[in-house]
Amino acid sequence: MLGAMETTSDILFSTDLALAHVTLNRPRALNALTLAMCTAMQERLDAWAADDRIHAVLIDAVPGRAFCSGGDIRAVSEWARTDDPRAMIFFRTEYKMNASIGRFAKPYVALIDGIAMGGGVGISIHGSHRVATENAVFAMPETSIGFFPDVGASYFLPRCPGAIGMFLGLTSARLTAADMLYAGIATHLVATNRIAEIVPRLAAGENVDAVLQSLQSDFGPSPLESARARIDRVFSAPSIEAICERLESEGGWGREVLEMLAARSPTSLKLTHRELRGALSRSLPECLAQELQLVARVLKGHDFHEGIRAAIVDKDNHPKWQPTRLSEISDEEIATFFLPHISPEAV
């Protein structure tokens, strides 16, 4: 029997015996995270961490196209352009939630049935169990909107096999469920027609690993795995310029990737390359703290707001980046993004 259901407009919380259950409930916005959703989620995580009756947490979404498409970046852009403090409050709250998931001492199970991008990755990948269905689609699309991979991406992308994390962070490439498993984004694959079995079994106190293993599916080979050698060869280069040079010699695949990179914000590309190369030795909280510093800089710049305009407001998909070329951005300029310039706050 389900416990009392508590509802905000966009997120649902319930308890079922030993299981705490979160359901994202904003399908028309592809379950994009709002500040209120992040705040409510943080409050619940704190309560469940201290509640001995709760043995596991599960997060999913109402049926539809998406698990979670990211954060409500249109609102963030509007806030930032008017110096509304809610812009930075959103990121502080979201990153604190990501860190809480990362250190959550109980099993945390994310059921990814549909799109998981940006903030949707942040509320899943830091948990102990990430279950992808055949409908799952992963991406970190930030360079396409003048931003940079965040929500702890500087922690988890460098820990993908080889140079795959750099490839994903720079190109915004989308992964299938099989790719997600190969890259370590997902821990289990379960067919959509069997995910309904998970909640009642976990609520009854069954072992999480045993339940998910018993439902494991095979979605075929990973295209990402077959591309691993050339990804490593190219994306291990010491600079974004060197990556572009190596792509020139990679034939048709190289040309396709160069076209992808040409559509991205040049500032975002250089920022992302430096962010990911320097983060492997950092903990998740340290990575999130650094990302918060970067956010404060990026929100005051041009490209993020132009990217939101082109992708979400006007939807013309033709952003006018400033500067327009990699050669116009010095490494010294990028280095200034990483200098501490806002008050540190633990996440």
C-alpha atoms as a PDB file:
ATOM      1  CA  MET A   1       0.000   0.000   0.000  1.00  0.00           C
ATOM      2  CA  LEU A   2       1.375   3.386  -0.985  1.00  0.00           C
ATOM      3  CA  GLY A   3       1.884   5.944   1.724  1.00  0.00           C
ATOM      4  CA  ALA A   4       0.353   9.382   1.484  1.00  0.00           C
ATOM      5  CA  MET A   5       1.232  11.028  -1.823  1.00  0.00           C
ATOM      6  CA  GLU A   6       2.618  14.546  -1.517  1.00  0.00           C
ATOM      7  CA  THR A   7       2.433  16.653  -4.625  1.00  0.00           C
ATOM      8  CA  THR A   8       3.888  19.886  -5.914  1.00  0.00           C
ATOM      9  CA  SER A   9       2.881  20.958  -9.385  1.00  0.00           C
ATOM     10  CA  ASP A  10       5.883  19.292 -10.986  1.00  0.00           C
ATOM     11  CA  ILE A  11       7.208  16.507  -8.743  1.00  0.00           C
ATOM     12  CA  LEU A  12       5.604  13.679  -6.779  1.00  0.00           C
ATOM     13  CA  PHE A  13       6.904  12.023  -3.613  1.00  0.00           C
ATOM     14  CA  SER A  14       5.608   8.876  -1.966  1.00  0.00           C
ATOM     15  CA  THR A  15       6.754   6.041   0.265  1.00  0.00           C
ATOM     16  CA  ASP A  16       5.924   2.402  -0.280  1.00  0.00           C
ATOM     17  CA  LEU A  17       7.067   0.330   2.707  1.00  0.00           C
ATOM     18  CA  ALA A  18      10.911   0.488   2.543  1.00  0.00           C
ATOM     19  CA  LEU A  19      11.014   2.423  -0.742  1.00  0.00           C
ATOM     20  CA  ALA A  20      10.910   6.189  -1.242  1.00  0.00           C
ATOM     21  CA  HIS A  21       9.659   7.109  -4.692  1.00  0.00           C
ATOM     22  CA  VAL A  22      10.182  10.316  -6.694  1.00  0.00           C
ATOM     23  CA  THR A  23       8.321  10.909  -9.962  1.00  0.00           C
ATOM     24  CA  LEU A  24       9.052  13.863 -12.218  1.00  0.00           C
ATOM     25  CA  ASN A  25       5.704  15.242 -13.351  1.00  0.00           C
ATOM     26  CA  ARG A  26       6.320  17.960 -15.916  1.00  0.00           C
ATOM     27  CA  PRO A  27       5.894  16.051 -19.191  1.00  0.00           C
ATOM     28  CA  ARG A  28       4.956  19.008 -21.414  1.00  0.00           C
ATOM     29  CA  ALA A  29       8.355  20.546 -20.536  1.00  0.00           C
ATOM     30  CA  LEU A  30      10.100  17.157 -20.880  1.00  0.00           C
ATOM     31  CA  ASN A  31      10.403  17.162 -17.074  1.00  0.00           C
ATOM     32  CA  ALA A  32      12.929  20.004 -17.085  1.00  0.00           C
ATOM     33  CA  LEU A  33      13.963  20.826 -13.527  1.00  0.00           C
ATOM     34  CA  THR A  34      12.740  24.032 -11.923  1.00  0.00           C
ATOM     35  CA  LEU A  35      14.170  25.680  -8.838  1.00  0.00           C
ATOM     36  CA  ALA A  36      11.134  24.522  -6.841  1.00  0.00           C
ATOM     37  CA  MET A  37      11.663  20.919  -7.968  1.00  0.00           C
ATOM     38  CA  CYS A  38      15.337  20.956  -6.950  1.00  0.00           C
ATOM     39  CA  THR A  39      14.498  22.492  -3.581  1.00  0.00           C
ATOM     40  CA  ALA A  40      11.795  19.923  -2.885  1.00  0.00           C
ATOM     41  CA  MET A  41      14.070  17.074  -3.958  1.00  0.00           C
ATOM     42  CA  GLN A  42      16.847  18.243  -1.639  1.00  0.00           C
ATOM     43  CA  GLU A  43      14.471  18.396   1.319  1.00  0.00           C
ATOM     44  CA  ARG A  44      13.307  14.838   0.643  1.00  0.00           C
ATOM     45  CA  LEU A  45      16.812  13.454   0.245  1.00  0.00           C
ATOM     46  CA  ASP A  46      17.797  14.943   3.593  1.00  0.00           C
ATOM     47  CA  ALA A  47      14.739  13.426   5.278  1.00  0.00           C
ATOM     48  CA  TRP A  48      15.113   9.989   3.699  1.00  0.00           C
ATOM     49  CA  ALA A  49      18.827   9.812   4.486  1.00  0.00           C
ATOM     50  CA  ALA A  50      17.937  10.087   8.186  1.00  0.00           C
ATOM     51  CA  ASP A  51      14.886   7.793   8.072  1.00  0.00           C
ATOM     52  CA  ASP A  52      15.771   4.209   9.029  1.00  0.00           C
ATOM     53  CA  ARG A  53      12.498   2.961   7.561  1.00  0.00           C
ATOM     54  CA  ILE A  54      13.657   3.932   4.059  1.00  0.00           C
ATOM     55  CA  HIS A  55      16.051   1.406   2.553  1.00  0.00           C
ATOM     56  CA  ALA A  56      16.202   2.750  -1.024  1.00  0.00           C
ATOM     57  CA  VAL A  57      15.134   5.690  -3.198  1.00  0.00           C
ATOM     58  CA  LEU A  58      13.819   5.353  -6.742  1.00  0.00           C
ATOM     59  CA  ILE A  59      13.361   8.209  -9.216  1.00  0.00           C
ATOM     60  CA  ASP A  60      11.415   7.992 -12.462  1.00  0.00           C
ATOM     61  CA  ALA A  61       9.129  10.160 -14.594  1.00  0.00           C
ATOM     62  CA  VAL A  62       5.540  10.111 -15.757  1.00  0.00           C
ATOM     63  CA  PRO A  63       5.189   8.223 -19.067  1.00  0.00           C
ATOM     64  CA  GLY A  64       6.263  10.264 -22.061  1.00  0.00           C
ATOM     65  CA  ARG A  65       9.263  11.186 -24.190  1.00  0.00           C
ATOM     66  CA  ALA A  66      11.628  12.149 -21.408  1.00  0.00           C
ATOM     67  CA  PHE A  67      13.067  11.111 -18.091  1.00  0.00           C
ATOM     68  CA  CYS A  68      14.418  14.653 -17.683  1.00  0.00           C
ATOM     69  CA  SER A  69      15.630  16.940 -20.460  1.00  0.00           C
ATOM     70  CA  GLY A  70      17.709  19.174 -18.169  1.00  0.00           C
ATOM     71  CA  GLY A  71      17.161  22.338 -16.189  1.00  0.00           C
ATOM     72  CA  ASP A  72      14.701  25.125 -16.892  1.00  0.00           C
ATOM     73  CA  ILE A  73      17.378  27.104 -18.712  1.00  0.00           C
ATOM     74  CA  ARG A  74      14.983  29.559 -20.311  1.00  0.00           C
ATOM     75  CA  ALA A  75      14.010  30.819 -16.849  1.00  0.00           C
ATOM     76  CA  VAL A  76      17.669  30.860 -15.800  1.00  0.00           C
ATOM     77  CA  SER A  77      18.601  32.986 -18.809  1.00  0.00           C
ATOM     78  CA  GLU A  78      15.776  35.427 -18.115  1.00  0.00           C
ATOM     79  CA  TRP A  79      16.867  35.741 -14.492  1.00  0.00           C
ATOM     80  CA  ALA A  80      20.539  36.193 -15.341  1.00  0.00           C
ATOM     81  CA  ARG A  81      19.888  38.900 -17.938  1.00  0.00           C
ATOM     82  CA  THR A  82      18.140  40.992 -15.281  1.00  0.00           C
ATOM     83  CA  ASP A  83      20.638  40.190 -12.493  1.00  0.00           C
ATOM     84  CA  ASP A  84      17.939  38.274 -10.638  1.00  0.00           C
ATOM     85  CA  PRO A  85      19.697  36.292  -7.856  1.00  0.00           C
ATOM     86  CA  ARG A  86      17.502  33.288  -8.626  1.00  0.00           C
ATOM     87  CA  ALA A  87      19.808  32.415 -11.525  1.00  0.00           C
ATOM     88  CA  MET A  88      22.717  31.559  -9.221  1.00  0.00           C
ATOM     89  CA  ILE A  89      20.367  30.209  -6.538  1.00  0.00           C
ATOM     90  CA  PHE A  90      19.117  27.695  -9.102  1.00  0.00           C
ATOM     91  CA  PHE A  91      22.604  26.362  -9.799  1.00  0.00           C
ATOM     92  CA  ARG A  92      23.632  26.325  -6.137  1.00  0.00           C
ATOM     93  CA  THR A  93      20.484  24.360  -5.293  1.00  0.00           C
ATOM     94  CA  GLU A  94      20.838  21.966  -8.212  1.00  0.00           C
ATOM     95  CA  TYR A  95      24.513  21.267  -7.521  1.00  0.00           C
ATOM     96  CA  LYS A  96      23.833  20.735  -3.811  1.00  0.00           C
ATOM     97  CA  MET A  97      21.216  18.171  -4.829  1.00  0.00           C
ATOM     98  CA  ASN A  98      23.707  16.470  -7.188  1.00  0.00           C
ATOM     99  CA  ALA A  99      26.255  16.246  -4.372  1.00  0.00           C
ATOM    100  CA  SER A 100      23.626  14.822  -2.000  1.00  0.00           C
ATOM    101  CA  ILE A 101      22.806  12.097  -4.513  1.00  0.00           C
ATOM    102  CA  GLY A 102      26.516  11.348  -4.895  1.00  0.00           C
ATOM    103  CA  ARG A 103      27.004  10.777  -1.176  1.00  0.00           C
ATOM    104  CA  PHE A 104      23.615   9.171  -0.499  1.00  0.00           C
ATOM    105  CA  ALA A 105      24.374   6.127   1.626  1.00  0.00           C
ATOM    106  CA  LYS A 106      21.370   4.069   0.520  1.00  0.00           C
ATOM    107  CA  PRO A 107      20.641   2.617  -2.916  1.00  0.00           C
ATOM    108  CA  TYR A 108      19.462   5.344  -5.276  1.00  0.00           C
ATOM    109  CA  VAL A 109      17.832   3.932  -8.406  1.00  0.00           C
ATOM    110  CA  ALA A 110      17.139   6.077 -11.479  1.00  0.00           C
ATOM    111  CA  LEU A 111      14.813   4.608 -14.112  1.00  0.00           C
ATOM    112  CA  ILE A 112      15.808   6.327 -17.363  1.00  0.00           C
ATOM    113  CA  ASP A 113      13.029   5.664 -19.877  1.00  0.00           C
ATOM    114  CA  GLY A 114      13.445   8.390 -22.478  1.00  0.00           C
ATOM    115  CA  ILE A 115      15.574  11.516 -22.806  1.00  0.00           C
ATOM    116  CA  ALA A 116      18.176  12.211 -20.111  1.00  0.00           C
ATOM    117  CA  MET A 117      20.181  15.321 -20.809  1.00  0.00           C
ATOM    118  CA  GLY A 118      22.024  17.919 -18.740  1.00  0.00           C
ATOM    119  CA  GLY A 119      20.259  18.211 -15.393  1.00  0.00           C
ATOM    120  CA  GLY A 120      18.502  14.900 -16.063  1.00  0.00           C
ATOM    121  CA  VAL A 121      21.910  13.256 -16.079  1.00  0.00           C
ATOM    122  CA  GLY A 122      22.757  15.043 -12.829  1.00  0.00           C
ATOM    123  CA  ILE A 123      19.792  13.505 -10.974  1.00  0.00           C
ATOM    124  CA  SER A 124      20.636  10.004 -12.204  1.00  0.00           C
ATOM    125  CA  ILE A 125      24.346   9.394 -12.801  1.00  0.00           C
ATOM    126  CA  HIS A 126      25.517  10.269  -9.299  1.00  0.00           C
ATOM    127  CA  GLY A 127      23.260   7.597  -7.809  1.00  0.00           C
ATOM    128  CA  SER A 128      24.284   4.012  -7.195  1.00  0.00           C
ATOM    129  CA  HIS A 129      22.026   2.403  -9.838  1.00  0.00           C
ATOM    130  CA  ARG A 130      21.163   3.845 -13.275  1.00  0.00           C
ATOM    131  CA  VAL A 131      18.685   1.752 -15.234  1.00  0.00           C
ATOM    132  CA  ALA A 132      18.253   2.522 -18.942  1.00  0.00           C
ATOM    133  CA  THR A 133      15.448   1.187 -21.125  1.00  0.00           C
ATOM    134  CA  GLU A 134      15.560   0.808 -24.895  1.00  0.00           C
ATOM    135  CA  ASN A 135      14.003   4.293 -25.084  1.00  0.00           C
ATOM    136  CA  ALA A 136      16.839   5.973 -23.181  1.00  0.00           C
ATOM    137  CA  VAL A 137      18.788   8.764 -24.882  1.00  0.00           C
ATOM    138  CA  PHE A 138      21.762  10.426 -23.173  1.00  0.00           C
ATOM    139  CA  ALA A 139      23.456  13.697 -24.092  1.00  0.00           C
ATOM    140  CA  MET A 140      25.285  16.605 -22.544  1.00  0.00           C
ATOM    141  CA  PRO A 141      24.221  19.290 -25.062  1.00  0.00           C
ATOM    142  CA  GLU A 142      25.665  22.343 -23.329  1.00  0.00           C
ATOM    143  CA  THR A 143      28.216  23.442 -25.953  1.00  0.00           C
ATOM    144  CA  SER A 144      25.329  23.768 -28.425  1.00  0.00           C
ATOM    145  CA  ILE A 145      23.706  26.436 -26.227  1.00  0.00           C
ATOM    146  CA  GLY A 146      26.821  28.403 -25.275  1.00  0.00           C
ATOM    147  CA  PHE A 147      27.250  26.732 -21.894  1.00  0.00           C
ATOM    148  CA  PHE A 148      29.514  23.924 -20.619  1.00  0.00           C
ATOM    149  CA  PRO A 149      28.848  20.403 -19.271  1.00  0.00           C
ATOM    150  CA  ASP A 150      27.873  20.837 -15.623  1.00  0.00           C
ATOM    151  CA  VAL A 151      25.888  19.016 -12.879  1.00  0.00           C
ATOM    152  CA  GLY A 152      29.125  17.217 -12.050  1.00  0.00           C
ATOM    153  CA  ALA A 153      30.046  16.426 -15.659  1.00  0.00           C
ATOM    154  CA  SER A 154      33.635  17.396 -14.913  1.00  0.00           C
ATOM    155  CA  TYR A 155      33.584  14.475 -12.473  1.00  0.00           C
ATOM    156  CA  PHE A 156      31.806  11.763 -14.462  1.00  0.00           C
ATOM    157  CA  LEU A 157      32.848  12.490 -18.068  1.00  0.00           C
ATOM    158  CA  PRO A 158      36.619  12.104 -17.429  1.00  0.00           C
ATOM    159  CA  ARG A 159      35.832   8.746 -15.826  1.00  0.00           C
ATOM    160  CA  CYS A 160      34.269   7.347 -18.986  1.00  0.00           C
ATOM    161  CA  PRO A 161      36.497   4.895 -20.922  1.00  0.00           C
ATOM    162  CA  GLY A 162      39.390   6.483 -22.785  1.00  0.00           C
ATOM    163  CA  ALA A 163      38.566   9.847 -24.368  1.00  0.00           C
ATOM    164  CA  ILE A 164      34.843   9.162 -24.629  1.00  0.00           C
ATOM    165  CA  GLY A 165      33.980  11.753 -21.994  1.00  0.00           C
ATOM    166  CA  MET A 166      35.806  14.491 -23.893  1.00  0.00           C
ATOM    167  CA  PHE A 167      34.031  13.428 -27.085  1.00  0.00           C
ATOM    168  CA  LEU A 168      30.624  13.576 -25.393  1.00  0.00           C
ATOM    169  CA  GLY A 169      31.286  16.884 -23.672  1.00  0.00           C
ATOM    170  CA  LEU A 170      32.492  18.692 -26.780  1.00  0.00           C
ATOM    171  CA  THR A 171      30.173  17.293 -29.443  1.00  0.00           C
ATOM    172  CA  SER A 172      26.891  16.850 -27.495  1.00  0.00           C
ATOM    173  CA  ALA A 173      26.651  13.435 -29.179  1.00  0.00           C
ATOM    174  CA  ARG A 174      23.657  11.312 -28.219  1.00  0.00           C
ATOM    175  CA  LEU A 175      24.027   7.802 -26.819  1.00  0.00           C
ATOM    176  CA  THR A 176      21.768   4.785 -27.022  1.00  0.00           C
ATOM    177  CA  ALA A 177      21.083   2.607 -23.987  1.00  0.00           C
ATOM    178  CA  ALA A 178      23.784   0.140 -25.073  1.00  0.00           C
ATOM    179  CA  ASP A 179      26.213   3.050 -25.399  1.00  0.00           C
ATOM    180  CA  MET A 180      25.232   4.305 -21.950  1.00  0.00           C
ATOM    181  CA  LEU A 181      26.091   0.927 -20.432  1.00  0.00           C
ATOM    182  CA  TYR A 182      29.447   0.786 -22.246  1.00  0.00           C
ATOM    183  CA  ALA A 183      30.359   4.320 -21.149  1.00  0.00           C
ATOM    184  CA  GLY A 184      29.390   3.683 -17.527  1.00  0.00           C
ATOM    185  CA  ILE A 185      26.501   6.159 -17.683  1.00  0.00           C
ATOM    186  CA  ALA A 186      24.058   3.300 -17.022  1.00  0.00           C
ATOM    187  CA  THR A 187      24.647   0.357 -14.699  1.00  0.00           C
ATOM    188  CA  HIS A 188      21.768  -1.845 -15.928  1.00  0.00           C
ATOM    189  CA  LEU A 189      19.562  -2.279 -19.000  1.00  0.00           C
ATOM    190  CA  VAL A 190      15.930  -3.257 -18.475  1.00  0.00           C
ATOM    191  CA  ALA A 191      13.241  -3.429 -21.158  1.00  0.00           C
ATOM    192  CA  THR A 192      10.372  -0.979 -20.802  1.00  0.00           C
ATOM    193  CA  ASN A 193       7.819  -3.754 -20.485  1.00  0.00           C
ATOM    194  CA  ARG A 194       9.558  -5.010 -17.338  1.00  0.00           C
ATOM    195  CA  ILE A 195      10.288  -1.835 -15.403  1.00  0.00           C
ATOM    196  CA  ALA A 196       6.892  -2.013 -13.682  1.00  0.00           C
ATOM    197  CA  GLU A 197       8.248  -5.020 -11.773  1.00  0.00           C
ATOM    198  CA  ILE A 198      10.954  -2.981 -10.068  1.00  0.00           C
ATOM    199  CA  VAL A 199       8.978  -0.796  -7.653  1.00  0.00           C
ATOM    200  CA  PRO A 200       6.964  -3.515  -5.870  1.00  0.00           C
ATOM    201  CA  ARG A 201      10.008  -5.747  -5.483  1.00  0.00           C
ATOM    202  CA  LEU A 202      12.140  -2.967  -4.011  1.00  0.00           C
ATOM    203  CA  ALA A 203       9.272  -1.886  -1.758  1.00  0.00           C
ATOM    204  CA  ALA A 204       9.107  -5.434  -0.440  1.00  0.00           C
ATOM    205  CA  GLY A 205      12.733  -5.161   0.619  1.00  0.00           C
ATOM    206  CA  GLU A 206      14.398  -7.283  -2.080  1.00  0.00           C
ATOM    207  CA  ASN A 207      18.077  -6.614  -2.747  1.00  0.00           C
ATOM    208  CA  VAL A 208      18.445  -3.902  -5.383  1.00  0.00           C
ATOM    209  CA  ASP A 209      21.311  -5.579  -7.243  1.00  0.00           C
ATOM    210  CA  ALA A 210      19.495  -8.907  -7.336  1.00  0.00           C
ATOM    211  CA  VAL A 211      16.293  -7.346  -8.646  1.00  0.00           C
ATOM    212  CA  LEU A 212      17.983  -5.414 -11.428  1.00  0.00           C
ATOM    213  CA  GLN A 213      20.204  -8.320 -12.418  1.00  0.00           C
ATOM    214  CA  SER A 214      17.170 -10.595 -12.720  1.00  0.00           C
ATOM    215  CA  LEU A 215      15.557  -8.138 -15.150  1.00  0.00           C
ATOM    216  CA  GLN A 216      18.671  -7.337 -17.178  1.00  0.00           C
ATOM    217  CA  SER A 217      18.141  -7.039 -20.948  1.00  0.00           C
ATOM    218  CA  ASP A 218      20.473  -7.067 -23.938  1.00  0.00           C
ATOM    219  CA  PHE A 219      19.927  -4.235 -26.405  1.00  0.00           C
ATOM    220  CA  GLY A 220      22.629  -5.301 -28.827  1.00  0.00           C
ATOM    221  CA  PRO A 221      26.102  -3.927 -29.544  1.00  0.00           C
ATOM    222  CA  SER A 222      27.209  -0.422 -28.659  1.00  0.00           C
ATOM    223  CA  PRO A 223      28.075   1.812 -31.638  1.00  0.00           C
ATOM    224  CA  LEU A 224      30.157   3.869 -29.225  1.00  0.00           C
ATOM    225  CA  GLU A 225      32.317   0.860 -28.420  1.00  0.00           C
ATOM    226  CA  SER A 226      33.018   0.269 -32.102  1.00  0.00           C
ATOM    227  CA  ALA A 227      34.096   3.918 -32.465  1.00  0.00           C
ATOM    228  CA  ARG A 228      36.273   3.867 -29.353  1.00  0.00           C
ATOM    229  CA  ALA A 229      39.656   3.582 -31.100  1.00  0.00           C
ATOM    230  CA  ARG A 230      39.200   6.630 -33.303  1.00  0.00           C
ATOM    231  CA  ILE A 231      37.572   8.630 -30.503  1.00  0.00           C
ATOM    232  CA  ASP A 232      40.606   7.942 -28.306  1.00  0.00           C
ATOM    233  CA  ARG A 233      42.980   8.774 -31.141  1.00  0.00           C
ATOM    234  CA  VAL A 234      41.367  12.167 -31.775  1.00  0.00           C
ATOM    235  CA  PHE A 235      39.934  13.369 -28.484  1.00  0.00           C
ATOM    236  CA  SER A 236      43.016  12.676 -26.396  1.00  0.00           C
ATOM    237  CA  ALA A 237      44.668  15.672 -28.100  1.00  0.00           C
ATOM    238  CA  PRO A 238      45.969  18.398 -25.756  1.00  0.00           C
ATOM    239  CA  SER A 239      43.790  21.205 -27.137  1.00  0.00           C
ATOM    240  CA  ILE A 240      40.553  21.729 -29.040  1.00  0.00           C
ATOM    241  CA  GLU A 241      42.600  23.049 -31.963  1.00  0.00           C
ATOM    242  CA  ALA A 242      44.639  19.834 -32.006  1.00  0.00           C
ATOM    243  CA  ILE A 243      41.438  17.793 -31.907  1.00  0.00           C
ATOM    244  CA  CYS A 244      40.207  19.630 -35.003  1.00  0.00           C
ATOM    245  CA  GLU A 245      43.528  18.969 -36.761  1.00  0.00           C
ATOM    246  CA  ARG A 246      43.292  15.244 -36.017  1.00  0.00           C
ATOM    247  CA  LEU A 247      39.698  15.138 -37.239  1.00  0.00           C
ATOM    248  CA  GLU A 248      40.880  16.435 -40.624  1.00  0.00           C
ATOM    249  CA  SER A 249      42.727  13.148 -41.183  1.00  0.00           C
ATOM    250  CA  GLU A 250      39.867  10.872 -40.087  1.00  0.00           C
ATOM    251  CA  GLY A 251      37.910  10.752 -43.333  1.00  0.00           C
ATOM    252  CA  GLY A 252      34.125  10.937 -43.443  1.00  0.00           C
ATOM    253  CA  TRP A 253      33.636  10.453 -39.711  1.00  0.00           C
ATOM    254  CA  GLY A 254      36.111  13.228 -39.001  1.00  0.00           C
ATOM    255  CA  ARG A 255      34.306  15.608 -41.342  1.00  0.00           C
ATOM    256  CA  GLU A 256      30.970  14.844 -39.691  1.00  0.00           C
ATOM    257  CA  VAL A 257      32.368  15.563 -36.236  1.00  0.00           C
ATOM    258  CA  LEU A 258      34.036  18.755 -37.462  1.00  0.00           C
ATOM    259  CA  GLU A 259      30.641  19.926 -38.701  1.00  0.00           C
ATOM    260  CA  MET A 260      29.191  19.219 -35.267  1.00  0.00           C
ATOM    261  CA  LEU A 261      31.937  21.210 -33.575  1.00  0.00           C
ATOM    262  CA  ALA A 262      31.583  24.081 -36.052  1.00  0.00           C
ATOM    263  CA  ALA A 263      28.005  24.604 -34.843  1.00  0.00           C
ATOM    264  CA  ARG A 264      29.070  24.841 -31.189  1.00  0.00           C
ATOM    265  CA  SER A 265      30.073  27.953 -29.296  1.00  0.00           C
ATOM    266  CA  PRO A 266      33.853  28.379 -29.728  1.00  0.00           C
ATOM    267  CA  THR A 267      34.096  29.747 -26.193  1.00  0.00           C
ATOM    268  CA  SER A 268      32.173  26.751 -24.862  1.00  0.00           C
ATOM    269  CA  LEU A 269      34.457  24.342 -26.701  1.00  0.00           C
ATOM    270  CA  LYS A 270      37.624  25.834 -25.231  1.00  0.00           C
ATOM    271  CA  LEU A 271      36.056  26.125 -21.797  1.00  0.00           C
ATOM    272  CA  THR A 272      34.850  22.513 -21.872  1.00  0.00           C
ATOM    273  CA  HIS A 273      38.187  21.127 -23.021  1.00  0.00           C
ATOM    274  CA  ARG A 274      40.008  22.812 -20.164  1.00  0.00           C
ATOM    275  CA  GLU A 275      37.278  21.884 -17.668  1.00  0.00           C
ATOM    276  CA  LEU A 276      37.416  18.168 -18.466  1.00  0.00           C
ATOM    277  CA  ARG A 277      41.178  17.793 -18.819  1.00  0.00           C
ATOM    278  CA  GLY A 278      41.856  19.279 -15.413  1.00  0.00           C
ATOM    279  CA  ALA A 279      39.251  17.511 -13.317  1.00  0.00           C
ATOM    280  CA  LEU A 280      40.126  13.813 -13.066  1.00  0.00           C
ATOM    281  CA  SER A 281      41.833  14.152  -9.699  1.00  0.00           C
ATOM    282  CA  ARG A 282      38.955  16.112  -8.116  1.00  0.00           C
ATOM    283  CA  SER A 283      36.103  14.771  -5.994  1.00  0.00           C
ATOM    284  CA  LEU A 284      32.481  15.333  -7.002  1.00  0.00           C
ATOM    285  CA  PRO A 285      32.013  18.219  -4.514  1.00  0.00           C
ATOM    286  CA  GLU A 286      35.223  19.829  -5.766  1.00  0.00           C
ATOM    287  CA  CYS A 287      34.066  19.513  -9.373  1.00  0.00           C
ATOM    288  CA  LEU A 288      30.683  21.025  -8.556  1.00  0.00           C
ATOM    289  CA  ALA A 289      32.325  23.904  -6.702  1.00  0.00           C
ATOM    290  CA  GLN A 290      34.505  24.638  -9.744  1.00  0.00           C
ATOM    291  CA  GLU A 291      31.491  24.413 -12.046  1.00  0.00           C
ATOM    292  CA  LEU A 292      29.676  26.961  -9.897  1.00  0.00           C
ATOM    293  CA  GLN A 293      32.568  29.368 -10.415  1.00  0.00           C
ATOM    294  CA  LEU A 294      32.305  28.824 -14.171  1.00  0.00           C
ATOM    295  CA  VAL A 295      28.540  29.386 -14.122  1.00  0.00           C
ATOM    296  CA  ALA A 296      28.958  32.811 -12.557  1.00  0.00           C
ATOM    297  CA  ARG A 297      31.243  33.830 -15.432  1.00  0.00           C
ATOM    298  CA  VAL A 298      29.235  32.262 -18.243  1.00  0.00           C
ATOM    299  CA  LEU A 299      25.937  33.828 -17.145  1.00  0.00           C
ATOM    300  CA  LYS A 300      27.522  37.272 -17.553  1.00  0.00           C
ATOM    301  CA  GLY A 301      28.703  36.519 -21.074  1.00  0.00           C
ATOM    302  CA  HIS A 302      27.024  36.533 -24.467  1.00  0.00           C
ATOM    303  CA  ASP A 303      26.927  32.995 -25.807  1.00  0.00           C
ATOM    304  CA  PHE A 304      24.680  31.300 -23.228  1.00  0.00           C
ATOM    305  CA  HIS A 305      21.888  33.814 -23.737  1.00  0.00           C
ATOM    306  CA  GLU A 306      22.333  33.708 -27.499  1.00  0.00           C
ATOM    307  CA  GLY A 307      22.211  29.911 -27.413  1.00  0.00           C
ATOM    308  CA  ILE A 308      18.958  29.955 -25.442  1.00  0.00           C
ATOM    309  CA  ARG A 309      17.508  32.500 -27.857  1.00  0.00           C
ATOM    310  CA  ALA A 310      18.358  30.401 -30.900  1.00  0.00           C
ATOM    311  CA  ALA A 311      17.338  27.021 -29.452  1.00  0.00           C
ATOM    312  CA  ILE A 312      14.375  27.830 -27.206  1.00  0.00           C
ATOM    313  CA  VAL A 313      13.046  31.377 -27.636  1.00  0.00           C
ATOM    314  CA  ASP A 314      13.145  32.103 -31.390  1.00  0.00           C
ATOM    315  CA  LYS A 315      13.938  28.494 -32.349  1.00  0.00           C
ATOM    316  CA  ASP A 316      15.821  29.545 -35.479  1.00  0.00           C
ATOM    317  CA  ASN A 317      18.761  27.274 -34.533  1.00  0.00           C
ATOM    318  CA  HIS A 318      21.220  29.815 -35.906  1.00  0.00           C
ATOM    319  CA  PRO A 319      23.098  31.237 -32.916  1.00  0.00           C
ATOM    320  CA  LYS A 320      25.503  34.084 -33.576  1.00  0.00           C
ATOM    321  CA  TRP A 321      28.412  33.287 -31.288  1.00  0.00           C
ATOM    322  CA  GLN A 322      30.820  35.939 -30.047  1.00  0.00           C
ATOM    323  CA  PRO A 323      33.673  35.378 -30.807  1.00  0.00           C
ATOM    324  CA  THR A 324      32.934  33.322 -33.902  1.00  0.00           C
ATOM    325  CA  ARG A 325      36.233  31.423 -34.205  1.00  0.00           C
ATOM    326  CA  LEU A 326      38.469  29.443 -31.895  1.00  0.00           C
ATOM    327  CA  SER A 327      41.439  31.517 -33.010  1.00  0.00           C
ATOM    328  CA  GLU A 328      39.837  34.616 -31.499  1.00  0.00           C
ATOM    329  CA  ILE A 329      39.856  33.166 -27.969  1.00  0.00           C
ATOM    330  CA  SER A 330      43.153  32.937 -26.114  1.00  0.00           C
ATOM    331  CA  ASP A 331      44.019  30.322 -23.546  1.00  0.00           C
ATOM    332  CA  GLU A 332      44.734  33.179 -21.135  1.00  0.00           C
ATOM    333  CA  GLU A 333      41.175  34.449 -21.542  1.00  0.00           C
ATOM    334  CA  ILE A 334      39.774  30.980 -20.858  1.00  0.00           C
ATOM    335  CA  ALA A 335      41.972  30.690 -17.771  1.00  0.00           C
ATOM    336  CA  THR A 336      40.210  33.687 -16.220  1.00  0.00           C
ATOM    337  CA  PHE A 337      36.963  31.689 -16.102  1.00  0.00           C
ATOM    338  CA  PHE A 338      38.595  29.315 -13.624  1.00  0.00           C
ATOM    339  CA  LEU A 339      39.806  31.958 -11.184  1.00  0.00           C
ATOM    340  CA  PRO A 340      37.771  32.147  -7.948  1.00  0.00           C
ATOM    341  CA  HIS A 341      35.491  35.139  -8.205  1.00  0.00           C
ATOM    342  CA  ILE A 342      32.409  34.301  -6.167  1.00  0.00           C
ATOM    343  CA  SER A 343      32.106  33.389  -2.499  1.00  0.00           C
ATOM    344  CA  PRO A 344      32.813  29.655  -2.087  1.00  0.00           C
ATOM    345  CA  GLU A 345      29.960  27.586  -0.772  1.00  0.00           C
ATOM    346  CA  ALA A 346      29.995  23.902   0.037  1.00  0.00           C
ATOM    347  CA  VAL A 347      27.926  21.686  -2.250  1.00  0.00           C
END
